[in-house]
Amino acid sequence: MAIELADVQLTSTEGAFGAVLAVPEGAGPWPALVVVHEIFGVDDAMRAHLRRLAGMGYLALMPDLYWRGGARRCLVATVRALRSGRGAAFSDIEAARTALLDRPDCTRAVGVIGFCLGGGFALLAASRGFEAASVNYGMLPDDLDAALEGACPVVASYGGADRALPGAAAKLETALEARGIRHDVTEYPGANHAFLNDRPAGWWWARPFLRIRGMGPDPDAAAQAWTRVDAFLRRELTGSPGA
C-alpha cells in the first residue's frame, strides 16, 4: 500500500500555514523528521521524499516555506533568511518541530532533513532543538563554526560533480571534526546537485538549464546515500544500530 500524504495546517508566530504530512504504516509511535524542501518548493520530487521517509519508518512533516506569497514572492526573503541565519523560515521550521512533538504518535525524538535550499536550513537548524540533522547538498553558512555551536549530530551528502558547492563536503567535515560533533559526511564523485531526487524537479522553464548542468537524479549514488542517512538517523533518533 502506498503511503498517503495529508495536507495539514501549522501555526507559527505569523499565523496558520500549510504543510504536508506522511505517516508510516502500522502502529506507532515513530521518530519524526521535519523535512525542508528544495528551492523549488513543495513539488512532486519533495512529496516523493516524504513517502520514502515514511516508508522507512519516520513520521515526516514538510512545511511550505513559501506560504506567505508563493515561490516568486518568497524566494528572495527565504534565501536571505538562509544566509543570515534568522527570519520567518526558521519560525516555520520550529512550528513543524513543535507540531510533531505534540502528536501522540511521535516518540518525541525529532530530527531535521533538508535538500538543496532545505539542506542549508537543516544545517543551521542543527543547533535549534533537533536530535539529528541530515544535510543534503546544502549551502554552508559564511560563519560555519558559529553555526555549529551546540549542533546535534549531522549526516551530510554532497555530489563531487556539483559545481555550485565545490569543496563543501570537506569543509563541513573539517568543521564538525574540530567541534567533536558526531557526523558522517560523504561526497559521491560522479553525483551532481539534487542527486537524491527520483525524478526531475524544478519549474518547467528551468529544467533545460538543470539538464545542461547535469543536475538531477543519480540512482546509484542515491541508493548508497539513503542507506547511510537512514542508518545514521535511526541510531540518533532511536538508539538502534541501524542498517
Foldseek 3Di string as FASTA:
>chain_A
DFWDKDWDWWAFPVGIFIKIKTAAPDAAQFAEEEEEEALQWDDPLNVVVRRVVSPLGYTYMYTTLQRVPDSVVCSVVLVVCLQVVDDDSVRRSVRVLVVLCPDPSHPNQYAYEYAACGLSVQLLCQQPDHLEGERENYDAYPCNLVSCVNGHEYEYEEELLAPVQHPVQVVNVVSCVVVVHHYHGDYHHHAYGAQLGPDDDDDPVCRVVCVVSVHHHDVVVNVVSVQVVQQVCCCRRPVDNGD
